[in-house]
Amino acid sequence: EIELFTKVNETFKAVACTQFLVSTSVVCFNLYQMTQRD
């Protein structure tokens, strides 16, 4: 038997980590664009 949540977590953990980093960066750059540029 293999843990259900571990199995799901192992399948998607790399994508989840990448998504966290990308979302942080995108929100940061969007804030910069909206406040610093026309």
Full PDB file with SEQRES, HELIX, SHEET, SSBOND, CRYST1, ORIGX, SCALE, CONECT and MASTER records, all heavy atoms in Angstrom:
SEQRES   1 A   38  GLU ILE GLU LEU PHE THR LYS VAL ASN GLU THR PHE LYS          
SEQRES   2 A   38  ALA VAL ALA CYS THR GLN PHE LEU VAL SER THR SER VAL          
SEQRES   3 A   38  VAL CYS PHE ASN LEU TYR GLN MET THR GLN ARG ASP              
HELIX    1 AA1 LEU A    4  GLN A   36  1                                  33    
CRYST1    1.000    1.000    1.000  90.00  90.00  90.00 P 1           1          
ORIGX1      1.000000  0.000000  0.000000        0.00000                         
ORIGX2      0.000000  1.000000  0.000000        0.00000                         
ORIGX3      0.000000  0.000000  1.000000        0.00000                         
SCALE1      1.000000  0.000000  0.000000        0.00000                         
SCALE2      0.000000  1.000000  0.000000        0.00000                         
SCALE3      0.000000  0.000000  1.000000        0.00000                         
ATOM      1  N   GLU A   1       0.838  -1.192   0.000  1.00  0.00           N  
ATOM      2  CA  GLU A   1       0.000   0.000   0.000  1.00  0.00           C  
ATOM      3  C   GLU A   1       0.870   1.237   0.000  1.00  0.00           C  
ATOM      4  O   GLU A   1       1.905   1.284   0.640  1.00  0.00           O  
ATOM      5  CB  GLU A   1      -0.928  -0.002   1.215  1.00  0.00           C  
ATOM      6  CG  GLU A   1      -1.904  -1.183   1.194  1.00  0.00           C  
ATOM      7  CD  GLU A   1      -2.670  -1.311   2.483  1.00  0.00           C  
ATOM      8  OE1 GLU A   1      -2.185  -0.786   3.498  1.00  0.00           O  
ATOM      9  OE2 GLU A   1      -3.727  -1.936   2.477  1.00  0.00           O  
ATOM     10  N   ILE A   2       0.434   2.264  -0.722  1.00  0.00           N  
ATOM     11  CA  ILE A   2       1.165   3.524  -0.821  1.00  0.00           C  
ATOM     12  C   ILE A   2       0.224   4.636  -0.405  1.00  0.00           C  
ATOM     13  O   ILE A   2      -0.958   4.622  -0.750  1.00  0.00           O  
ATOM     14  CB  ILE A   2       1.670   3.753  -2.256  1.00  0.00           C  
ATOM     15  CG1 ILE A   2       2.598   2.598  -2.642  1.00  0.00           C  
ATOM     16  CG2 ILE A   2       2.384   5.081  -2.380  1.00  0.00           C  
ATOM     17  CD1 ILE A   2       3.070   2.676  -4.070  1.00  0.00           C  
ATOM     18  N   GLU A   3       0.700   5.603   0.329  1.00  0.00           N  
ATOM     19  CA  GLU A   3      -0.153   6.657   0.849  1.00  0.00           C  
ATOM     20  C   GLU A   3      -0.824   7.424  -0.284  1.00  0.00           C  
ATOM     21  O   GLU A   3      -0.195   7.848  -1.231  1.00  0.00           O  
ATOM     22  CB  GLU A   3       0.667   7.622   1.702  1.00  0.00           C  
ATOM     23  CG  GLU A   3       1.153   6.984   2.984  1.00  0.00           C  
ATOM     24  CD  GLU A   3       1.878   7.982   3.866  1.00  0.00           C  
ATOM     25  OE1 GLU A   3       2.026   9.142   3.465  1.00  0.00           O  
ATOM     26  OE2 GLU A   3       2.268   7.580   4.955  1.00  0.00           O  
ATOM     27  N   LEU A   4      -2.149   7.637  -0.106  1.00  0.00           N  
ATOM     28  CA  LEU A   4      -2.921   8.340  -1.120  1.00  0.00           C  
ATOM     29  C   LEU A   4      -2.433   9.771  -1.285  1.00  0.00           C  
ATOM     30  O   LEU A   4      -2.112  10.206  -2.380  1.00  0.00           O  
ATOM     31  CB  LEU A   4      -4.400   8.329  -0.740  1.00  0.00           C  
ATOM     32  CG  LEU A   4      -5.343   9.217  -1.558  1.00  0.00           C  
ATOM     33  CD1 LEU A   4      -5.324   8.827  -3.009  1.00  0.00           C  
ATOM     34  CD2 LEU A   4      -6.742   9.161  -0.995  1.00  0.00           C  
ATOM     35  N   PHE A   5      -2.366  10.502  -0.185  1.00  0.00           N  
ATOM     36  CA  PHE A   5      -1.985  11.899  -0.329  1.00  0.00           C  
ATOM     37  C   PHE A   5      -0.523  12.037  -0.706  1.00  0.00           C  
ATOM     38  O   PHE A   5      -0.130  12.979  -1.386  1.00  0.00           O  
ATOM     39  CB  PHE A   5      -2.299  12.694   0.948  1.00  0.00           C  
ATOM     40  CG  PHE A   5      -1.428  12.405   2.130  1.00  0.00           C  
ATOM     41  CD1 PHE A   5      -0.302  13.155   2.367  1.00  0.00           C  
ATOM     42  CD2 PHE A   5      -1.745  11.389   3.014  1.00  0.00           C  
ATOM     43  CE1 PHE A   5       0.506  12.909   3.461  1.00  0.00           C  
ATOM     44  CE2 PHE A   5      -0.949  11.145   4.105  1.00  0.00           C  
ATOM     45  CZ  PHE A   5       0.174  11.897   4.330  1.00  0.00           C  
ATOM     46  N   THR A   6       0.328  11.081  -0.298  1.00  0.00           N  
ATOM     47  CA  THR A   6       1.723  11.104  -0.718  1.00  0.00           C  
ATOM     48  C   THR A   6       1.819  10.840  -2.219  1.00  0.00           C  
ATOM     49  O   THR A   6       2.618  11.459  -2.919  1.00  0.00           O  
ATOM     50  CB  THR A   6       2.543  10.058   0.043  1.00  0.00           C  
ATOM     51  OG1 THR A   6       2.466  10.352   1.437  1.00  0.00           O  
ATOM     52  CG2 THR A   6       3.993  10.076  -0.383  1.00  0.00           C  
ATOM     53  N   LYS A   7       0.985   9.914  -2.718  1.00  0.00           N  
ATOM     54  CA  LYS A   7       0.992   9.598  -4.143  1.00  0.00           C  
ATOM     55  C   LYS A   7       0.586  10.816  -4.963  1.00  0.00           C  
ATOM     56  O   LYS A   7       1.233  11.170  -5.953  1.00  0.00           O  
ATOM     57  CB  LYS A   7       0.013   8.445  -4.413  1.00  0.00           C  
ATOM     58  CG  LYS A   7       0.229   7.764  -5.751  1.00  0.00           C  
ATOM     59  CD  LYS A   7       1.483   6.928  -5.739  1.00  0.00           C  
ATOM     60  CE  LYS A   7       1.575   6.066  -6.974  1.00  0.00           C  
ATOM     61  NZ  LYS A   7       2.822   5.311  -7.045  1.00  0.00           N  
ATOM     62  N   VAL A   8      -0.492  11.484  -4.533  1.00  0.00           N  
ATOM     63  CA  VAL A   8      -0.903  12.700  -5.222  1.00  0.00           C  
ATOM     64  C   VAL A   8       0.174  13.769  -5.092  1.00  0.00           C  
ATOM     65  O   VAL A   8       0.509  14.465  -6.051  1.00  0.00           O  
ATOM     66  CB  VAL A   8      -2.248  13.209  -4.658  1.00  0.00           C  
ATOM     67  CG1 VAL A   8      -2.655  14.507  -5.345  1.00  0.00           C  
ATOM     68  CG2 VAL A   8      -3.339  12.159  -4.844  1.00  0.00           C  
ATOM     69  N   ASN A   9       0.716  13.881  -3.891  1.00  0.00           N  
ATOM     70  CA  ASN A   9       1.721  14.911  -3.629  1.00  0.00           C  
ATOM     71  C   ASN A   9       2.985  14.669  -4.449  1.00  0.00           C  
ATOM     72  O   ASN A   9       3.590  15.602  -4.976  1.00  0.00           O  
ATOM     73  CB  ASN A   9       2.055  14.927  -2.142  1.00  0.00           C  
ATOM     74  CG  ASN A   9       2.553  16.282  -1.682  1.00  0.00           C  
ATOM     75  OD1 ASN A   9       2.150  17.306  -2.199  1.00  0.00           O  
ATOM     76  ND2 ASN A   9       3.430  16.280  -0.720  1.00  0.00           N  
ATOM     77  N   GLU A  10       3.414  13.417  -4.554  1.00  0.00           N  
ATOM     78  CA  GLU A  10       4.612  13.090  -5.339  1.00  0.00           C  
ATOM     79  C   GLU A  10       4.391  13.399  -6.817  1.00  0.00           C  
ATOM     80  O   GLU A  10       5.312  13.810  -7.516  1.00  0.00           O  
ATOM     81  CB  GLU A  10       4.955  11.602  -5.168  1.00  0.00           C  
ATOM     82  CG  GLU A  10       5.532  11.236  -3.813  1.00  0.00           C  
ATOM     83  CD  GLU A  10       6.895  11.864  -3.582  1.00  0.00           C  
ATOM     84  OE1 GLU A  10       7.678  11.960  -4.543  1.00  0.00           O  
ATOM     85  OE2 GLU A  10       7.161  12.282  -2.445  1.00  0.00           O  
ATOM     86  N   THR A  11       3.148  13.204  -7.295  1.00  0.00           N  
ATOM     87  CA  THR A  11       2.852  13.437  -8.703  1.00  0.00           C  
ATOM     88  C   THR A  11       2.881  14.913  -9.060  1.00  0.00           C  
ATOM     89  O   THR A  11       3.337  15.302 -10.127  1.00  0.00           O  
ATOM     90  CB  THR A  11       1.468  12.842  -9.056  1.00  0.00           C  
ATOM     91  OG1 THR A  11       1.458  11.455  -8.706  1.00  0.00           O  
ATOM     92  CG2 THR A  11       1.180  12.973 -10.538  1.00  0.00           C  
ATOM     93  N   PHE A  12       2.413  15.757  -8.133  1.00  0.00           N  
ATOM     94  CA  PHE A  12       2.221  17.166  -8.470  1.00  0.00           C  
ATOM     95  C   PHE A  12       3.128  18.119  -7.707  1.00  0.00           C  
ATOM     96  O   PHE A  12       3.022  19.337  -7.881  1.00  0.00           O  
ATOM     97  CB  PHE A  12       0.762  17.572  -8.203  1.00  0.00           C  
ATOM     98  CG  PHE A  12      -0.227  16.919  -9.112  1.00  0.00           C  
ATOM     99  CD1 PHE A  12      -0.886  15.764  -8.728  1.00  0.00           C  
ATOM    100  CD2 PHE A  12      -0.490  17.436 -10.361  1.00  0.00           C  
ATOM    101  CE1 PHE A  12      -1.805  15.159  -9.565  1.00  0.00           C  
ATOM    102  CE2 PHE A  12      -1.403  16.842 -11.213  1.00  0.00           C  
ATOM    103  CZ  PHE A  12      -2.066  15.690 -10.810  1.00  0.00           C  
ATOM    104  N   LYS A  13       4.041  17.614  -6.851  1.00  0.00           N  
ATOM    105  CA  LYS A  13       4.802  18.524  -5.987  1.00  0.00           C  
ATOM    106  C   LYS A  13       5.713  19.454  -6.785  1.00  0.00           C  
ATOM    107  O   LYS A  13       5.858  20.637  -6.436  1.00  0.00           O  
ATOM    108  CB  LYS A  13       5.625  17.726  -4.971  1.00  0.00           C  
ATOM    109  CG  LYS A  13       6.766  16.892  -5.564  1.00  0.00           C  
ATOM    110  CD  LYS A  13       7.528  16.171  -4.474  1.00  0.00           C  
ATOM    111  CE  LYS A  13       8.699  15.368  -5.061  1.00  0.00           C  
ATOM    112  NZ  LYS A  13       9.453  14.664  -4.012  1.00  0.00           N  
ATOM    113  N   ALA A  14       6.339  18.948  -7.855  1.00  0.00           N  
ATOM    114  CA  ALA A  14       7.240  19.803  -8.641  1.00  0.00           C  
ATOM    115  C   ALA A  14       6.468  20.929  -9.318  1.00  0.00           C  
ATOM    116  O   ALA A  14       6.904  22.085  -9.330  1.00  0.00           O  
ATOM    117  CB  ALA A  14       7.979  18.964  -9.670  1.00  0.00           C  
ATOM    118  N   VAL A  15       5.289  20.588  -9.866  1.00  0.00           N  
ATOM    119  CA  VAL A  15       4.462  21.597 -10.519  1.00  0.00           C  
ATOM    120  C   VAL A  15       3.956  22.606  -9.498  1.00  0.00           C  
ATOM    121  O   VAL A  15       3.920  23.811  -9.764  1.00  0.00           O  
ATOM    122  CB  VAL A  15       3.287  20.929 -11.253  1.00  0.00           C  
ATOM    123  CG1 VAL A  15       2.284  21.967 -11.721  1.00  0.00           C  
ATOM    124  CG2 VAL A  15       3.792  20.135 -12.444  1.00  0.00           C  
ATOM    125  N   ALA A  16       3.567  22.125  -8.297  1.00  0.00           N  
ATOM    126  CA  ALA A  16       3.066  23.038  -7.264  1.00  0.00           C  
ATOM    127  C   ALA A  16       4.149  24.021  -6.843  1.00  0.00           C  
ATOM    128  O   ALA A  16       3.892  25.218  -6.676  1.00  0.00           O  
ATOM    129  CB  ALA A  16       2.568  22.238  -6.067  1.00  0.00           C  
ATOM    130  N   CYS A  17       5.373  23.531  -6.683  1.00  0.00           N  
ATOM    131  CA  CYS A  17       6.485  24.405  -6.310  1.00  0.00           C  
ATOM    132  C   CYS A  17       6.741  25.441  -7.398  1.00  0.00           C  
ATOM    133  O   CYS A  17       6.895  26.639  -7.112  1.00  0.00           O  
ATOM    134  CB  CYS A  17       7.741  23.576  -6.058  1.00  0.00           C  
ATOM    135  SG  CYS A  17       9.195  24.555  -5.647  1.00  0.00           S  
ATOM    136  N   THR A  18       6.765  24.992  -8.655  1.00  0.00           N  
ATOM    137  CA  THR A  18       6.974  25.917  -9.771  1.00  0.00           C  
ATOM    138  C   THR A  18       5.865  26.946  -9.837  1.00  0.00           C  
ATOM    139  O   THR A  18       6.107  28.132 -10.077  1.00  0.00           O  
ATOM    140  CB  THR A  18       7.030  25.134 -11.097  1.00  0.00           C  
ATOM    141  OG1 THR A  18       8.032  24.112 -11.010  1.00  0.00           O  
ATOM    142  CG2 THR A  18       7.355  26.046 -12.253  1.00  0.00           C  
ATOM    143  N   GLN A  19       4.623  26.493  -9.586  1.00  0.00           N  
ATOM    144  CA  GLN A  19       3.493  27.413  -9.625  1.00  0.00           C  
ATOM    145  C   GLN A  19       3.598  28.488  -8.554  1.00  0.00           C  
ATOM    146  O   GLN A  19       3.287  29.661  -8.792  1.00  0.00           O  
ATOM    147  CB  GLN A  19       2.187  26.632  -9.458  1.00  0.00           C  
ATOM    148  CG  GLN A  19       0.944  27.467  -9.659  1.00  0.00           C  
ATOM    149  CD  GLN A  19       0.810  27.945 -11.088  1.00  0.00           C  
ATOM    150  OE1 GLN A  19       0.659  27.148 -12.007  1.00  0.00           O  
ATOM    151  NE2 GLN A  19       0.858  29.252 -11.295  1.00  0.00           N  
ATOM    152  N   PHE A  20       4.036  28.108  -7.354  1.00  0.00           N  
ATOM    153  CA  PHE A  20       4.209  29.083  -6.282  1.00  0.00           C  
ATOM    154  C   PHE A  20       5.228  30.148  -6.688  1.00  0.00           C  
ATOM    155  O   PHE A  20       4.995  31.349  -6.519  1.00  0.00           O  
ATOM    156  CB  PHE A  20       4.664  28.384  -4.999  1.00  0.00           C  
ATOM    157  CG  PHE A  20       3.551  28.036  -4.060  1.00  0.00           C  
ATOM    158  CD1 PHE A  20       2.937  26.794  -4.128  1.00  0.00           C  
ATOM    159  CD2 PHE A  20       3.098  28.937  -3.117  1.00  0.00           C  
ATOM    160  CE1 PHE A  20       1.902  26.464  -3.280  1.00  0.00           C  
ATOM    161  CE2 PHE A  20       2.067  28.624  -2.259  1.00  0.00           C  
ATOM    162  CZ  PHE A  20       1.464  27.375  -2.337  1.00  0.00           C  
ATOM    163  N   LEU A  21       6.360  29.713  -7.209  1.00  0.00           N  
ATOM    164  CA  LEU A  21       7.409  30.658  -7.593  1.00  0.00           C  
ATOM    165  C   LEU A  21       6.955  31.556  -8.741  1.00  0.00           C  
ATOM    166  O   LEU A  21       7.192  32.770  -8.729  1.00  0.00           O  
ATOM    167  CB  LEU A  21       8.672  29.886  -7.988  1.00  0.00           C  
ATOM    168  CG  LEU A  21       9.343  29.070  -6.883  1.00  0.00           C  
ATOM    169  CD1 LEU A  21      10.496  28.256  -7.450  1.00  0.00           C  
ATOM    170  CD2 LEU A  21       9.838  29.979  -5.764  1.00  0.00           C  
ATOM    171  N   VAL A  22       6.298  30.963  -9.741  1.00  0.00           N  
ATOM    172  CA  VAL A  22       5.847  31.729 -10.897  1.00  0.00           C  
ATOM    173  C   VAL A  22       4.773  32.735 -10.493  1.00  0.00           C  
ATOM    174  O   VAL A  22       4.804  33.897 -10.912  1.00  0.00           O  
ATOM    175  CB  VAL A  22       5.321  30.787 -11.997  1.00  0.00           C  
ATOM    176  CG1 VAL A  22       4.548  31.553 -13.060  1.00  0.00           C  
ATOM    177  CG2 VAL A  22       6.485  30.040 -12.636  1.00  0.00           C  
ATOM    178  N   SER A  23       3.821  32.308  -9.665  1.00  0.00           N  
ATOM    179  CA  SER A  23       2.748  33.213  -9.248  1.00  0.00           C  
ATOM    180  C   SER A  23       3.302  34.396  -8.472  1.00  0.00           C  
ATOM    181  O   SER A  23       2.871  35.545  -8.666  1.00  0.00           O  
ATOM    182  CB  SER A  23       1.725  32.457  -8.393  1.00  0.00           C  
ATOM    183  OG  SER A  23       1.094  31.453  -9.144  1.00  0.00           O  
ATOM    184  N   THR A  24       4.266  34.132  -7.594  1.00  0.00           N  
ATOM    185  CA  THR A  24       4.889  35.225  -6.841  1.00  0.00           C  
ATOM    186  C   THR A  24       5.554  36.222  -7.785  1.00  0.00           C  
ATOM    187  O   THR A  24       5.398  37.437  -7.653  1.00  0.00           O  
ATOM    188  CB  THR A  24       5.940  34.665  -5.859  1.00  0.00           C  
ATOM    189  OG1 THR A  24       5.314  33.732  -4.974  1.00  0.00           O  
ATOM    190  CG2 THR A  24       6.567  35.779  -5.033  1.00  0.00           C  
ATOM    191  N   SER A  25       6.292  35.702  -8.765  1.00  0.00           N  
ATOM    192  CA  SER A  25       7.004  36.572  -9.708  1.00  0.00           C  
ATOM    193  C   SER A  25       6.042  37.359 -10.593  1.00  0.00           C  
ATOM    194  O   SER A  25       6.222  38.566 -10.812  1.00  0.00           O  
ATOM    195  CB  SER A  25       7.945  35.737 -10.579  1.00  0.00           C  
ATOM    196  OG  SER A  25       8.854  35.004  -9.792  1.00  0.00           O  
ATOM    197  N   VAL A  26       5.009  36.688 -11.098  1.00  0.00           N  
ATOM    198  CA  VAL A  26       4.073  37.351 -12.004  1.00  0.00           C  
ATOM    199  C   VAL A  26       3.315  38.461 -11.301  1.00  0.00           C  
ATOM    200  O   VAL A  26       3.149  39.562 -11.841  1.00  0.00           O  
ATOM    201  CB  VAL A  26       3.094  36.321 -12.613  1.00  0.00           C  
ATOM    202  CG1 VAL A  26       1.939  37.023 -13.311  1.00  0.00           C  
ATOM    203  CG2 VAL A  26       3.821  35.416 -13.595  1.00  0.00           C  
ATOM    204  N   VAL A  27       2.842  38.204 -10.076  1.00  0.00           N  
ATOM    205  CA  VAL A  27       2.133  39.243  -9.326  1.00  0.00           C  
ATOM    206  C   VAL A  27       3.057  40.429  -9.075  1.00  0.00           C  
ATOM    207  O   VAL A  27       2.647  41.593  -9.188  1.00  0.00           O  
ATOM    208  CB  VAL A  27       1.598  38.673  -7.993  1.00  0.00           C  
ATOM    209  CG1 VAL A  27       1.038  39.800  -7.115  1.00  0.00           C  
ATOM    210  CG2 VAL A  27       0.519  37.633  -8.258  1.00  0.00           C  
ATOM    211  N   CYS A  28       4.319  40.146  -8.778  1.00  0.00           N  
ATOM    212  CA  CYS A  28       5.300  41.206  -8.551  1.00  0.00           C  
ATOM    213  C   CYS A  28       5.486  42.055  -9.805  1.00  0.00           C  
ATOM    214  O   CYS A  28       5.412  43.294  -9.751  1.00  0.00           O  
ATOM    215  CB  CYS A  28       6.625  40.592  -8.110  1.00  0.00           C  
ATOM    216  SG  CYS A  28       8.030  41.711  -8.199  1.00  0.00           S  
ATOM    217  N   PHE A  29       5.709  41.424 -10.949  1.00  0.00           N  
ATOM    218  CA  PHE A  29       5.934  42.163 -12.191  1.00  0.00           C  
ATOM    219  C   PHE A  29       4.682  42.899 -12.650  1.00  0.00           C  
ATOM    220  O   PHE A  29       4.772  44.003 -13.211  1.00  0.00           O  
ATOM    221  CB  PHE A  29       6.432  41.227 -13.289  1.00  0.00           C  
ATOM    222  CG  PHE A  29       7.834  40.726 -13.070  1.00  0.00           C  
ATOM    223  CD1 PHE A  29       8.107  39.372 -12.977  1.00  0.00           C  
ATOM    224  CD2 PHE A  29       8.884  41.625 -12.946  1.00  0.00           C  
ATOM    225  CE1 PHE A  29       9.404  38.919 -12.772  1.00  0.00           C  
ATOM    226  CE2 PHE A  29      10.173  41.178 -12.743  1.00  0.00           C  
ATOM    227  CZ  PHE A  29      10.436  39.831 -12.655  1.00  0.00           C  
ATOM    228  N   ASN A  30       3.492  42.310 -12.409  1.00  0.00           N  
ATOM    229  CA  ASN A  30       2.258  43.006 -12.762  1.00  0.00           C  
ATOM    230  C   ASN A  30       2.052  44.251 -11.911  1.00  0.00           C  
ATOM    231  O   ASN A  30       1.611  45.289 -12.407  1.00  0.00           O  
ATOM    232  CB  ASN A  30       1.061  42.069 -12.599  1.00  0.00           C  
ATOM    233  CG  ASN A  30       0.883  41.144 -13.786  1.00  0.00           C  
ATOM    234  OD1 ASN A  30       1.552  41.297 -14.795  1.00  0.00           O  
ATOM    235  ND2 ASN A  30       0.014  40.176 -13.674  1.00  0.00           N  
ATOM    236  N   LEU A  31       2.376  44.148 -10.622  1.00  0.00           N  
ATOM    237  CA  LEU A  31       2.298  45.329  -9.754  1.00  0.00           C  
ATOM    238  C   LEU A  31       3.227  46.432 -10.257  1.00  0.00           C  
ATOM    239  O   LEU A  31       2.865  47.604 -10.303  1.00  0.00           O  
ATOM    240  CB  LEU A  31       2.677  44.952  -8.319  1.00  0.00           C  
ATOM    241  CG  LEU A  31       1.577  44.392  -7.420  1.00  0.00           C  
ATOM    242  CD1 LEU A  31       2.162  43.943  -6.093  1.00  0.00           C  
ATOM    243  CD2 LEU A  31       0.478  45.412  -7.191  1.00  0.00           C  
ATOM    244  N   TYR A  32       4.424  46.021 -10.642  1.00  0.00           N  
ATOM    245  CA  TYR A  32       5.399  46.993 -11.142  1.00  0.00           C  
ATOM    246  C   TYR A  32       4.884  47.674 -12.403  1.00  0.00           C  
ATOM    247  O   TYR A  32       4.984  48.896 -12.559  1.00  0.00           O  
ATOM    248  CB  TYR A  32       6.727  46.290 -11.420  1.00  0.00           C  
ATOM    249  CG  TYR A  32       7.775  47.209 -12.018  1.00  0.00           C  
ATOM    250  CD1 TYR A  32       8.522  48.050 -11.204  1.00  0.00           C  
ATOM    251  CD2 TYR A  32       8.002  47.229 -13.389  1.00  0.00           C  
ATOM    252  CE1 TYR A  32       9.473  48.905 -11.755  1.00  0.00           C  
ATOM    253  CE2 TYR A  32       8.949  48.069 -13.950  1.00  0.00           C  
ATOM    254  CZ  TYR A  32       9.682  48.904 -13.121  1.00  0.00           C  
ATOM    255  OH  TYR A  32      10.613  49.750 -13.659  1.00  0.00           O  
ATOM    256  N   GLN A  33       4.319  46.881 -13.318  1.00  0.00           N  
ATOM    257  CA  GLN A  33       3.821  47.453 -14.568  1.00  0.00           C  
ATOM    258  C   GLN A  33       2.671  48.423 -14.330  1.00  0.00           C  
ATOM    259  O   GLN A  33       2.595  49.488 -14.939  1.00  0.00           O  
ATOM    260  CB  GLN A  33       3.371  46.335 -15.504  1.00  0.00           C  
ATOM    261  CG  GLN A  33       4.514  45.592 -16.180  1.00  0.00           C  
ATOM    262  CD  GLN A  33       4.010  44.660 -17.254  1.00  0.00           C  
ATOM    263  OE1 GLN A  33       3.072  43.911 -17.035  1.00  0.00           O  
ATOM    264  NE2 GLN A  33       4.616  44.707 -18.422  1.00  0.00           N  
ATOM    265  N   MET A  34       1.753  48.048 -13.422  1.00  0.00           N  
ATOM    266  CA  MET A  34       0.566  48.881 -13.209  1.00  0.00           C  
ATOM    267  C   MET A  34       0.885  50.181 -12.488  1.00  0.00           C  
ATOM    268  O   MET A  34       0.179  51.179 -12.654  1.00  0.00           O  
ATOM    269  CB  MET A  34      -0.490  48.088 -12.424  1.00  0.00           C  
ATOM    270  CG  MET A  34      -1.184  47.009 -13.237  1.00  0.00           C  
ATOM    271  SD  MET A  34      -2.553  46.233 -12.368  1.00  0.00           S  
ATOM    272  CE  MET A  34      -1.676  45.284 -11.124  1.00  0.00           C  
ATOM    273  N   THR A  35       1.939  50.196 -11.674  1.00  0.00           N  
ATOM    274  CA  THR A  35       2.237  51.383 -10.872  1.00  0.00           C  
ATOM    275  C   THR A  35       3.337  52.254 -11.457  1.00  0.00           C  
ATOM    276  O   THR A  35       3.395  53.451 -11.175  1.00  0.00           O  
ATOM    277  CB  THR A  35       2.645  50.976  -9.443  1.00  0.00           C  
ATOM    278  OG1 THR A  35       3.769  50.077  -9.511  1.00  0.00           O  
ATOM    279  CG2 THR A  35       1.496  50.290  -8.731  1.00  0.00           C  
ATOM    280  N   GLN A  36       4.208  51.680 -12.267  1.00  0.00           N  
ATOM    281  CA  GLN A  36       5.360  52.422 -12.754  1.00  0.00           C  
ATOM    282  C   GLN A  36       5.241  52.854 -14.216  1.00  0.00           C  
ATOM    283  O   GLN A  36       6.019  53.664 -14.679  1.00  0.00           O  
ATOM    284  CB  GLN A  36       6.640  51.568 -12.605  1.00  0.00           C  
ATOM    285  CG  GLN A  36       6.947  51.178 -11.176  1.00  0.00           C  
ATOM    286  CD  GLN A  36       7.247  52.376 -10.312  1.00  0.00           C  
ATOM    287  OE1 GLN A  36       8.006  53.246 -10.702  1.00  0.00           O  
ATOM    288  NE2 GLN A  36       6.651  52.428  -9.129  1.00  0.00           N  
ATOM    289  N   ARG A  37       4.265  52.306 -14.935  1.00  0.00           N  
ATOM    290  CA  ARG A  37       4.199  52.585 -16.366  1.00  0.00           C  
ATOM    291  C   ARG A  37       2.783  52.911 -16.797  1.00  0.00           C  
ATOM    292  O   ARG A  37       1.801  52.513 -16.148  1.00  0.00           O  
ATOM    293  CB  ARG A  37       4.710  51.368 -17.158  1.00  0.00           C  
ATOM    294  CG  ARG A  37       6.110  50.924 -16.786  1.00  0.00           C  
ATOM    295  CD  ARG A  37       6.500  49.690 -17.548  1.00  0.00           C  
ATOM    296  NE  ARG A  37       6.435  49.912 -18.977  1.00  0.00           N  
ATOM    297  CZ  ARG A  37       6.422  48.946 -19.885  1.00  0.00           C  
ATOM    298  NH1 ARG A  37       6.478  47.694 -19.499  1.00  0.00           N  
ATOM    299  NH2 ARG A  37       6.360  49.222 -21.162  1.00  0.00           N  
ATOM    300  N   ASP A  38       2.670  53.628 -17.896  1.00  0.00           N  
ATOM    301  CA  ASP A  38       1.375  53.927 -18.500  1.00  0.00           C  
ATOM    302  C   ASP A  38       1.048  52.804 -19.479  1.00  0.00           C  
ATOM    303  O   ASP A  38       1.569  52.751 -20.597  1.00  0.00           O  
ATOM    304  CB  ASP A  38       1.432  55.284 -19.216  1.00  0.00           C  
ATOM    305  CG  ASP A  38       0.085  55.654 -19.826  1.00  0.00           C  
ATOM    306  OD1 ASP A  38      -0.915  55.019 -19.437  1.00  0.00           O  
ATOM    307  OD2 ASP A  38       0.044  56.572 -20.669  1.00  0.00           O  
TER     308      ASP A  38                                                      
MASTER        0    0    0    1    0    0    0    6  307    1    0    3          
END                                                                             
